[in-house]
């Protein structure tokens, strides 16, 4: 029996329209509440997403500041959005490109602590994450303590909302129906 996600607003109502399960980013648990348009042209369905770079930044910032353990697809997402090859990321983390490839394929349990921490710092420092990345880096000790303390058995689906020309993580929670 599979579980179905039901989206609930903070006031208990269901949102207007159907959220978009955004798998085109390569991740399984990203949903968009707004900031996209669905249309059918000549019988084909198309999705247009506002400020795609801003959405990718919001997803990356969520991953590095909210996830206790990065999943293989999340590692690849971060690396690709920093514009690095596996060899380049490996050089930054002092590991081989094959080690990075194994992390991205899920062939190892997880990225070791120091490499995980440095991967997060690299993303926060990259151009794509600015200016929010710099602000998070300024509170790095607090962020590190928060991530270490996080009790996360299974990643939860995360929703993003587009507003005021910027993508933000939605604060309301998802309920499993």
N, C-alpha and C. Protein backbone atom coordinates (compact mmCIF):
# COMPACT_ATOMS: atom_id res chain seq x y z
N UNK A 1 0.84 -1.18 0.00
CA UNK A 1 0.00 0.00 0.00
C UNK A 1 0.89 1.25 0.00
N UNK A 2 0.72 2.12 -0.98
CA UNK A 2 1.54 3.32 -1.05
C UNK A 2 0.87 4.46 -0.29
N UNK A 3 1.70 5.39 0.17
CA UNK A 3 1.18 6.54 0.88
C UNK A 3 0.95 7.68 -0.10
N UNK A 4 -0.06 8.47 0.13
CA UNK A 4 -0.37 9.62 -0.71
C UNK A 4 -0.17 10.87 0.14
N UNK A 5 0.51 11.86 -0.43
CA UNK A 5 0.71 13.11 0.29
C UNK A 5 -0.50 14.01 0.10
N UNK A 6 -0.95 14.60 1.16
CA UNK A 6 -2.04 15.55 1.10
C UNK A 6 -1.51 16.88 1.62
N UNK A 7 -1.65 17.93 0.86
CA UNK A 7 -1.12 19.22 1.23
C UNK A 7 -2.17 19.99 2.02
N UNK A 8 -1.78 20.51 3.17
CA UNK A 8 -2.69 21.23 4.05
C UNK A 8 -2.09 22.60 4.36
N UNK A 9 -2.89 23.65 4.23
CA UNK A 9 -2.44 24.98 4.61
C UNK A 9 -2.39 25.09 6.13
N UNK A 10 -1.70 26.10 6.61
CA UNK A 10 -1.60 26.32 8.05
C UNK A 10 -2.94 26.44 8.74
N UNK A 11 -3.96 26.92 8.02
CA UNK A 11 -5.29 27.06 8.63
C UNK A 11 -6.13 25.79 8.44
N UNK A 12 -5.51 24.71 7.94
CA UNK A 12 -6.22 23.43 7.81
C UNK A 12 -6.89 23.22 6.47
N UNK A 13 -6.89 24.25 5.60
CA UNK A 13 -7.52 24.10 4.29
C UNK A 13 -6.52 23.53 3.28
N UNK A 14 -7.06 22.89 2.24
CA UNK A 14 -6.20 22.42 1.17
C UNK A 14 -5.84 23.61 0.28
N UNK A 15 -4.65 23.60 -0.35
CA UNK A 15 -4.24 24.72 -1.18
C UNK A 15 -5.05 24.80 -2.47
N UNK A 16 -5.02 26.00 -3.09
CA UNK A 16 -5.69 26.18 -4.37
C UNK A 16 -4.86 25.47 -5.44
N UNK A 17 -5.49 24.67 -6.26
CA UNK A 17 -4.77 23.97 -7.32
C UNK A 17 -3.93 22.83 -6.79
N UNK A 18 -3.45 22.05 -7.69
CA UNK A 18 -2.64 20.88 -7.35
C UNK A 18 -1.17 21.26 -7.30
N UNK A 19 -0.46 21.00 -6.19
CA UNK A 19 0.97 21.28 -6.15
C UNK A 19 1.70 20.46 -7.22
N UNK A 20 2.82 20.97 -7.66
CA UNK A 20 3.63 20.29 -8.67
C UNK A 20 4.72 19.48 -8.00
N UNK A 21 4.73 18.17 -8.24
CA UNK A 21 5.81 17.31 -7.77
C UNK A 21 6.97 17.54 -8.74
N UNK A 22 7.94 18.32 -8.31
CA UNK A 22 9.02 18.80 -9.18
C UNK A 22 10.20 17.84 -9.15
N UNK A 23 10.15 16.84 -10.02
CA UNK A 23 11.23 15.84 -10.07
C UNK A 23 12.28 16.19 -11.10
N UNK A 24 12.03 17.21 -11.92
CA UNK A 24 12.98 17.60 -12.95
C UNK A 24 14.30 18.08 -12.35
N UNK A 25 14.32 18.42 -11.07
CA UNK A 25 15.55 18.85 -10.41
C UNK A 25 16.43 17.67 -10.04
N UNK A 26 15.90 16.45 -10.21
CA UNK A 26 16.68 15.25 -9.87
C UNK A 26 16.44 14.76 -8.46
N UNK A 27 15.57 15.43 -7.72
CA UNK A 27 15.27 15.03 -6.34
C UNK A 27 13.84 14.51 -6.28
N UNK A 28 13.57 13.65 -5.30
CA UNK A 28 12.27 12.99 -5.22
C UNK A 28 11.25 13.71 -4.35
N UNK A 29 11.68 14.56 -3.43
CA UNK A 29 10.79 15.11 -2.42
C UNK A 29 10.59 16.62 -2.51
N UNK A 30 10.55 17.17 -3.72
CA UNK A 30 10.38 18.61 -3.88
C UNK A 30 9.02 18.87 -4.53
N UNK A 31 8.24 19.73 -3.91
CA UNK A 31 6.90 20.10 -4.39
C UNK A 31 6.81 21.62 -4.48
N UNK A 32 6.18 22.11 -5.53
CA UNK A 32 5.99 23.54 -5.70
C UNK A 32 4.51 23.87 -5.49
N UNK A 33 4.25 24.83 -4.63
CA UNK A 33 2.89 25.25 -4.34
C UNK A 33 2.42 26.26 -5.38
N UNK A 34 3.32 27.13 -5.80
CA UNK A 34 3.00 28.14 -6.81
C UNK A 34 4.29 28.46 -7.55
N UNK A 35 4.26 29.51 -8.35
CA UNK A 35 5.45 29.89 -9.09
C UNK A 35 5.64 29.08 -10.37
N UNK A 36 4.58 28.40 -10.79
CA UNK A 36 4.64 27.62 -12.02
C UNK A 36 3.31 27.74 -12.73
N UNK A 37 3.35 27.50 -14.03
CA UNK A 37 2.15 27.54 -14.86
C UNK A 37 2.05 26.24 -15.63
N UNK A 38 0.85 25.65 -15.59
CA UNK A 38 0.58 24.45 -16.39
C UNK A 38 -0.22 24.89 -17.61
N UNK A 39 0.18 24.40 -18.79
CA UNK A 39 -0.62 24.69 -19.97
C UNK A 39 -0.49 23.54 -20.96
N UNK A 40 -1.51 23.41 -21.79
CA UNK A 40 -1.52 22.39 -22.84
C UNK A 40 -1.50 23.10 -24.18
N UNK A 41 -0.52 22.73 -25.00
CA UNK A 41 -0.37 23.31 -26.34
C UNK A 41 -0.34 22.17 -27.34
N UNK A 42 -1.25 22.18 -28.28
CA UNK A 42 -1.34 21.12 -29.29
C UNK A 42 -1.37 19.74 -28.66
N UNK A 43 -2.11 19.61 -27.57
CA UNK A 43 -2.27 18.32 -26.92
C UNK A 43 -1.12 17.90 -26.03
N UNK A 44 -0.07 18.71 -25.91
CA UNK A 44 1.06 18.37 -25.04
C UNK A 44 1.04 19.27 -23.81
N UNK A 45 1.32 18.68 -22.65
CA UNK A 45 1.35 19.43 -21.40
C UNK A 45 2.74 20.04 -21.20
N UNK A 46 2.74 21.31 -20.78
CA UNK A 46 3.98 22.03 -20.51
C UNK A 46 3.89 22.68 -19.14
N UNK A 47 5.04 22.76 -18.47
CA UNK A 47 5.14 23.44 -17.18
C UNK A 47 6.18 24.55 -17.35
N UNK A 48 5.84 25.76 -16.95
CA UNK A 48 6.77 26.88 -16.94
C UNK A 48 7.00 27.26 -15.49
N UNK A 49 8.27 27.35 -15.09
CA UNK A 49 8.62 27.68 -13.71
C UNK A 49 9.25 29.07 -13.68
N UNK A 50 8.74 29.92 -12.81
CA UNK A 50 9.29 31.26 -12.63
C UNK A 50 10.63 31.17 -11.90
N UNK A 51 11.58 31.96 -12.32
CA UNK A 51 12.87 32.11 -11.63
C UNK A 51 13.47 30.75 -11.26
N UNK A 52 13.79 29.97 -12.27
CA UNK A 52 14.33 28.63 -12.04
C UNK A 52 15.63 28.65 -11.25
N UNK A 53 16.51 29.61 -11.54
CA UNK A 53 17.76 29.71 -10.77
C UNK A 53 17.48 29.98 -9.30
N UNK A 54 16.48 30.83 -9.02
CA UNK A 54 16.11 31.11 -7.63
C UNK A 54 15.56 29.88 -6.94
N UNK A 55 14.79 29.08 -7.67
CA UNK A 55 14.27 27.84 -7.09
C UNK A 55 15.41 26.90 -6.76
N UNK A 56 16.35 26.73 -7.68
CA UNK A 56 17.48 25.83 -7.42
C UNK A 56 18.31 26.32 -6.23
N UNK A 57 18.44 27.65 -6.09
CA UNK A 57 19.16 28.19 -4.93
C UNK A 57 18.41 27.84 -3.65
N UNK A 58 17.08 28.02 -3.66
CA UNK A 58 16.28 27.71 -2.46
C UNK A 58 16.40 26.23 -2.10
N UNK A 59 16.38 25.37 -3.10
CA UNK A 59 16.52 23.93 -2.83
C UNK A 59 17.89 23.65 -2.23
N UNK A 60 18.94 24.20 -2.84
CA UNK A 60 20.30 23.98 -2.34
C UNK A 60 20.48 24.49 -0.92
N UNK A 61 19.97 25.68 -0.65
CA UNK A 61 20.08 26.24 0.71
C UNK A 61 19.33 25.36 1.71
N UNK A 62 18.19 24.83 1.31
CA UNK A 62 17.45 23.90 2.18
C UNK A 62 18.30 22.67 2.47
N UNK A 63 18.88 22.09 1.44
CA UNK A 63 19.65 20.87 1.63
C UNK A 63 20.82 21.07 2.59
N UNK A 64 21.59 22.14 2.39
CA UNK A 64 22.79 22.30 3.21
C UNK A 64 22.50 22.79 4.62
N UNK A 65 21.32 23.39 4.84
CA UNK A 65 21.04 23.91 6.17
C UNK A 65 19.98 23.13 6.93
N UNK A 66 19.29 22.21 6.28
CA UNK A 66 18.22 21.47 6.95
C UNK A 66 18.43 19.96 7.01
N UNK A 67 19.10 19.38 6.07
CA UNK A 67 19.26 17.93 6.03
C UNK A 67 20.42 17.50 6.93
N UNK A 68 20.16 16.51 7.78
CA UNK A 68 21.24 15.99 8.63
C UNK A 68 22.17 15.13 7.80
N UNK A 69 21.62 14.26 6.98
CA UNK A 69 22.40 13.39 6.12
C UNK A 69 21.97 13.67 4.68
N UNK A 70 22.94 13.95 3.83
CA UNK A 70 22.63 14.21 2.43
C UNK A 70 22.49 12.90 1.67
N UNK A 71 21.40 12.76 0.93
CA UNK A 71 21.18 11.58 0.10
C UNK A 71 22.04 11.68 -1.16
N UNK A 72 22.28 10.56 -1.83
CA UNK A 72 23.10 10.59 -3.06
C UNK A 72 22.62 11.60 -4.10
N UNK A 73 21.32 11.66 -4.35
CA UNK A 73 20.80 12.61 -5.34
C UNK A 73 21.01 14.05 -4.89
N UNK A 74 20.98 14.28 -3.58
CA UNK A 74 21.18 15.63 -3.05
C UNK A 74 22.63 16.07 -3.22
N UNK A 75 23.57 15.14 -3.04
CA UNK A 75 24.99 15.44 -3.23
C UNK A 75 25.22 15.85 -4.69
N UNK A 76 24.65 15.06 -5.60
CA UNK A 76 24.80 15.37 -7.02
C UNK A 76 24.16 16.73 -7.35
N UNK A 77 22.98 16.99 -6.82
CA UNK A 77 22.31 18.27 -7.05
C UNK A 77 23.22 19.42 -6.64
N UNK A 78 23.79 19.35 -5.44
CA UNK A 78 24.66 20.42 -4.94
C UNK A 78 25.88 20.58 -5.83
N UNK A 79 26.53 19.47 -6.17
CA UNK A 79 27.73 19.53 -7.00
C UNK A 79 27.42 20.18 -8.36
N UNK A 80 26.35 19.72 -8.99
CA UNK A 80 26.01 20.25 -10.31
C UNK A 80 25.66 21.73 -10.24
N UNK A 81 25.01 22.16 -9.18
CA UNK A 81 24.62 23.56 -9.08
C UNK A 81 25.75 24.46 -8.59
N UNK A 82 26.84 23.86 -8.17
CA UNK A 82 28.05 24.64 -7.93
C UNK A 82 28.88 24.71 -9.21
N UNK A 83 28.46 23.94 -10.24
CA UNK A 83 29.19 23.94 -11.50
C UNK A 83 30.49 23.16 -11.45
N UNK A 84 30.53 22.13 -10.59
CA UNK A 84 31.75 21.35 -10.43
C UNK A 84 31.60 19.95 -11.02
N UNK A 85 32.69 19.43 -11.55
CA UNK A 85 32.72 18.02 -11.95
C UNK A 85 32.99 17.19 -10.70
N UNK A 86 32.85 15.88 -10.82
CA UNK A 86 33.17 15.02 -9.68
C UNK A 86 34.63 15.17 -9.30
N UNK A 87 35.51 15.32 -10.29
CA UNK A 87 36.95 15.48 -10.00
C UNK A 87 37.22 16.79 -9.27
N UNK A 88 36.54 17.86 -9.70
CA UNK A 88 36.75 19.16 -9.04
C UNK A 88 36.25 19.14 -7.60
N UNK A 89 35.06 18.56 -7.38
CA UNK A 89 34.57 18.47 -6.00
C UNK A 89 35.50 17.60 -5.17
N UNK A 90 35.93 16.47 -5.75
CA UNK A 90 36.87 15.60 -5.04
C UNK A 90 38.14 16.33 -4.63
N UNK A 91 38.66 17.18 -5.52
CA UNK A 91 39.87 17.94 -5.20
C UNK A 91 39.63 18.87 -4.02
N UNK A 92 38.47 19.52 -4.00
CA UNK A 92 38.13 20.41 -2.87
C UNK A 92 38.03 19.63 -1.56
N UNK A 93 37.51 18.40 -1.64
CA UNK A 93 37.27 17.61 -0.43
C UNK A 93 38.42 16.66 -0.12
N UNK A 94 39.47 16.68 -0.96
CA UNK A 94 40.65 15.82 -0.80
C UNK A 94 40.30 14.34 -0.91
N UNK A 95 39.42 14.01 -1.86
CA UNK A 95 39.08 12.63 -2.17
C UNK A 95 39.13 12.47 -3.69
N UNK A 96 39.05 11.25 -4.18
CA UNK A 96 39.09 11.03 -5.61
C UNK A 96 37.73 11.27 -6.25
N UNK A 97 37.74 11.43 -7.57
CA UNK A 97 36.48 11.57 -8.29
C UNK A 97 35.64 10.31 -8.16
N UNK A 98 36.28 9.15 -8.03
CA UNK A 98 35.56 7.89 -7.86
C UNK A 98 34.86 7.84 -6.50
N UNK A 99 35.46 8.44 -5.49
CA UNK A 99 34.80 8.52 -4.18
C UNK A 99 33.54 9.36 -4.29
N UNK A 100 33.62 10.50 -4.97
CA UNK A 100 32.44 11.35 -5.17
C UNK A 100 31.38 10.57 -5.96
N UNK A 101 31.81 9.85 -6.99
CA UNK A 101 30.87 9.05 -7.79
C UNK A 101 30.17 8.01 -6.92
N UNK A 102 30.91 7.37 -6.02
CA UNK A 102 30.29 6.37 -5.12
C UNK A 102 29.29 7.03 -4.17
N UNK A 103 29.59 8.22 -3.69
CA UNK A 103 28.63 8.94 -2.84
C UNK A 103 27.35 9.22 -3.62
N UNK A 104 27.50 9.67 -4.87
CA UNK A 104 26.35 10.05 -5.69
C UNK A 104 25.53 8.83 -6.13
N UNK A 105 26.16 7.67 -6.18
CA UNK A 105 25.45 6.44 -6.55
C UNK A 105 24.89 5.72 -5.34
N UNK A 106 25.21 6.20 -4.14
CA UNK A 106 24.72 5.56 -2.93
C UNK A 106 25.47 4.28 -2.60
N UNK A 107 26.68 4.14 -3.10
CA UNK A 107 27.47 2.93 -2.85
C UNK A 107 28.18 2.96 -1.51
N UNK A 108 28.16 4.10 -0.86
CA UNK A 108 28.71 4.21 0.49
C UNK A 108 27.59 4.69 1.40
N UNK A 109 27.73 4.39 2.68
CA UNK A 109 26.65 4.72 3.62
C UNK A 109 26.34 6.21 3.63
N UNK A 110 27.35 7.03 3.74
CA UNK A 110 27.16 8.48 3.71
C UNK A 110 28.51 9.15 3.54
N UNK A 111 28.47 10.44 3.28
CA UNK A 111 29.70 11.22 3.17
C UNK A 111 30.26 11.39 4.58
N UNK A 112 31.55 11.10 4.78
CA UNK A 112 32.13 11.27 6.12
C UNK A 112 31.98 12.71 6.62
N UNK A 113 31.90 12.86 7.92
CA UNK A 113 31.62 14.14 8.56
C UNK A 113 32.39 15.34 8.04
N UNK A 114 33.72 15.32 8.02
CA UNK A 114 34.45 16.50 7.55
C UNK A 114 34.15 16.83 6.08
N UNK A 115 34.04 15.81 5.23
CA UNK A 115 33.74 16.06 3.82
C UNK A 115 32.31 16.59 3.67
N UNK A 116 31.37 16.06 4.44
CA UNK A 116 29.99 16.54 4.42
C UNK A 116 29.94 18.01 4.80
N UNK A 117 30.63 18.35 5.87
CA UNK A 117 30.63 19.73 6.35
C UNK A 117 31.24 20.66 5.30
N UNK A 118 32.35 20.23 4.69
CA UNK A 118 33.02 21.07 3.69
C UNK A 118 32.15 21.21 2.44
N UNK A 119 31.44 20.16 2.04
CA UNK A 119 30.52 20.24 0.90
C UNK A 119 29.47 21.32 1.15
N UNK A 120 28.94 21.34 2.36
CA UNK A 120 27.94 22.36 2.71
C UNK A 120 28.54 23.77 2.66
N UNK A 121 29.74 23.92 3.19
CA UNK A 121 30.41 25.22 3.19
C UNK A 121 30.69 25.66 1.76
N UNK A 122 31.15 24.73 0.92
CA UNK A 122 31.43 25.06 -0.47
C UNK A 122 30.17 25.58 -1.18
N UNK A 123 29.04 24.92 -0.94
CA UNK A 123 27.80 25.39 -1.57
C UNK A 123 27.43 26.77 -1.05
N UNK A 124 27.48 26.95 0.26
CA UNK A 124 27.10 28.25 0.84
C UNK A 124 27.99 29.38 0.34
N UNK A 125 29.25 29.07 0.02
CA UNK A 125 30.20 30.09 -0.43
C UNK A 125 30.11 30.34 -1.94
N UNK A 126 29.48 29.45 -2.68
CA UNK A 126 29.45 29.60 -4.15
C UNK A 126 28.55 30.76 -4.55
N UNK A 127 28.80 31.29 -5.75
CA UNK A 127 28.03 32.43 -6.26
C UNK A 127 26.54 32.16 -6.29
N UNK A 128 26.14 30.94 -6.65
CA UNK A 128 24.72 30.61 -6.80
C UNK A 128 23.95 30.77 -5.49
N UNK A 129 24.61 30.64 -4.34
CA UNK A 129 23.93 30.67 -3.05
C UNK A 129 23.86 32.06 -2.42
N UNK A 130 24.33 33.07 -3.12
CA UNK A 130 24.42 34.40 -2.51
C UNK A 130 23.14 35.20 -2.73
N UNK A 131 22.82 36.14 -1.80
CA UNK A 131 23.56 36.54 -0.61
C UNK A 131 23.23 35.69 0.62
N UNK A 132 22.24 34.82 0.51
CA UNK A 132 21.81 34.03 1.66
C UNK A 132 22.91 33.13 2.19
N UNK A 133 23.73 32.58 1.28
CA UNK A 133 24.81 31.68 1.70
C UNK A 133 25.77 32.37 2.65
N UNK A 134 26.11 33.63 2.34
CA UNK A 134 27.02 34.38 3.22
C UNK A 134 26.40 34.58 4.60
N UNK A 135 25.12 34.87 4.63
CA UNK A 135 24.44 35.07 5.92
C UNK A 135 24.45 33.78 6.74
N UNK A 136 24.21 32.65 6.07
CA UNK A 136 24.23 31.37 6.78
C UNK A 136 25.64 31.06 7.27
N UNK A 137 26.65 31.33 6.44
CA UNK A 137 28.03 31.07 6.85
C UNK A 137 28.40 31.87 8.09
N UNK A 138 27.84 33.06 8.23
CA UNK A 138 28.12 33.87 9.41
C UNK A 138 27.59 33.21 10.68
N UNK A 139 26.56 32.39 10.57
CA UNK A 139 26.02 31.66 11.71
C UNK A 139 26.39 30.19 11.66
N UNK A 140 27.57 29.87 11.11
CA UNK A 140 27.98 28.50 10.85
C UNK A 140 28.02 27.61 12.09
N UNK A 141 28.49 28.12 13.18
CA UNK A 141 28.56 27.31 14.40
C UNK A 141 27.16 26.91 14.85
N UNK A 142 26.26 27.85 14.83
CA UNK A 142 24.87 27.57 15.22
C UNK A 142 24.24 26.56 14.26
N UNK A 143 24.49 26.73 12.95
CA UNK A 143 23.95 25.81 11.95
C UNK A 143 24.50 24.40 12.16
N UNK A 144 25.79 24.29 12.42
CA UNK A 144 26.40 22.98 12.64
C UNK A 144 25.77 22.28 13.84
N UNK A 145 25.58 23.00 14.91
CA UNK A 145 24.95 22.43 16.10
C UNK A 145 23.53 21.98 15.80
N UNK A 146 22.79 22.78 15.04
CA UNK A 146 21.41 22.47 14.67
C UNK A 146 21.35 21.19 13.82
N UNK A 147 22.23 21.06 12.85
CA UNK A 147 22.22 19.88 11.97
C UNK A 147 22.61 18.63 12.75
N UNK A 148 23.62 18.73 13.59
CA UNK A 148 24.07 17.57 14.37
C UNK A 148 22.96 17.10 15.31
N UNK A 149 22.19 18.04 15.85
CA UNK A 149 21.12 17.68 16.80
C UNK A 149 19.86 17.18 16.11
N UNK A 150 19.74 17.39 14.80
CA UNK A 150 18.51 17.02 14.09
C UNK A 150 18.28 15.52 14.16
N UNK A 151 17.09 15.15 14.53
CA UNK A 151 16.70 13.74 14.60
C UNK A 151 15.92 13.43 13.33
N UNK A 152 16.64 13.01 12.31
CA UNK A 152 16.02 12.79 11.00
C UNK A 152 16.25 11.34 10.58
N UNK A 153 15.21 10.57 10.64
CA UNK A 153 15.31 9.19 10.22
C UNK A 153 15.11 9.09 8.70
N UNK A 154 14.08 9.75 8.20
CA UNK A 154 13.76 9.74 6.79
C UNK A 154 13.50 11.18 6.37
N UNK A 155 14.11 11.61 5.25
CA UNK A 155 13.86 12.98 4.81
C UNK A 155 12.38 13.21 4.57
N UNK A 156 11.89 14.37 4.98
CA UNK A 156 10.50 14.72 4.77
C UNK A 156 10.37 15.47 3.45
N UNK A 157 9.23 15.34 2.80
CA UNK A 157 9.02 16.14 1.60
C UNK A 157 9.06 17.62 1.95
N UNK A 158 9.54 18.41 1.05
CA UNK A 158 9.65 19.83 1.31
C UNK A 158 8.94 20.59 0.19
N UNK A 159 8.25 21.67 0.57
CA UNK A 159 7.51 22.47 -0.38
C UNK A 159 8.16 23.84 -0.49
N UNK A 160 8.06 24.43 -1.68
CA UNK A 160 8.61 25.75 -1.92
C UNK A 160 7.52 26.65 -2.48
N UNK A 161 7.56 27.92 -2.12
CA UNK A 161 6.58 28.91 -2.56
C UNK A 161 7.35 30.06 -3.22
N UNK A 162 6.79 30.58 -4.31
CA UNK A 162 7.39 31.71 -5.00
C UNK A 162 6.60 32.95 -4.64
N UNK A 163 7.29 33.95 -4.17
CA UNK A 163 6.63 35.19 -3.81
C UNK A 163 7.64 36.32 -3.69
N UNK A 164 7.23 37.51 -3.97
CA UNK A 164 8.10 38.68 -3.90
C UNK A 164 9.40 38.45 -4.68
N UNK A 165 9.23 37.84 -5.89
CA UNK A 165 10.34 37.61 -6.82
C UNK A 165 11.42 36.69 -6.27
N UNK A 166 11.05 35.78 -5.37
CA UNK A 166 12.04 34.93 -4.73
C UNK A 166 11.40 33.63 -4.27
N UNK A 167 12.12 32.52 -4.34
CA UNK A 167 11.64 31.22 -3.86
C UNK A 167 12.02 31.06 -2.40
N UNK A 168 11.08 30.53 -1.60
CA UNK A 168 11.33 30.27 -0.18
C UNK A 168 10.75 28.92 0.18
N UNK A 169 11.36 28.28 1.17
CA UNK A 169 10.82 27.04 1.68
C UNK A 169 9.51 27.35 2.40
N UNK A 170 8.50 26.54 2.15
CA UNK A 170 7.19 26.71 2.79
C UNK A 170 7.29 26.19 4.23
N UNK A 171 6.77 26.95 5.17
CA UNK A 171 6.87 26.57 6.57
C UNK A 171 5.82 25.57 7.01
N UNK A 172 4.72 25.49 6.29
CA UNK A 172 3.69 24.55 6.71
C UNK A 172 4.14 23.13 6.44
N UNK A 173 3.56 22.20 7.15
CA UNK A 173 3.94 20.80 7.07
C UNK A 173 3.03 20.02 6.14
N UNK A 174 3.51 18.91 5.67
CA UNK A 174 2.71 17.99 4.87
C UNK A 174 2.16 16.93 5.79
N UNK A 175 0.98 16.49 5.50
CA UNK A 175 0.39 15.37 6.26
C UNK A 175 0.22 14.21 5.31
N UNK A 176 0.53 13.00 5.77
CA UNK A 176 0.30 11.82 4.96
C UNK A 176 -1.15 11.42 5.08
N UNK A 177 -1.79 11.21 3.95
CA UNK A 177 -3.21 10.83 3.95
C UNK A 177 -3.32 9.31 3.92
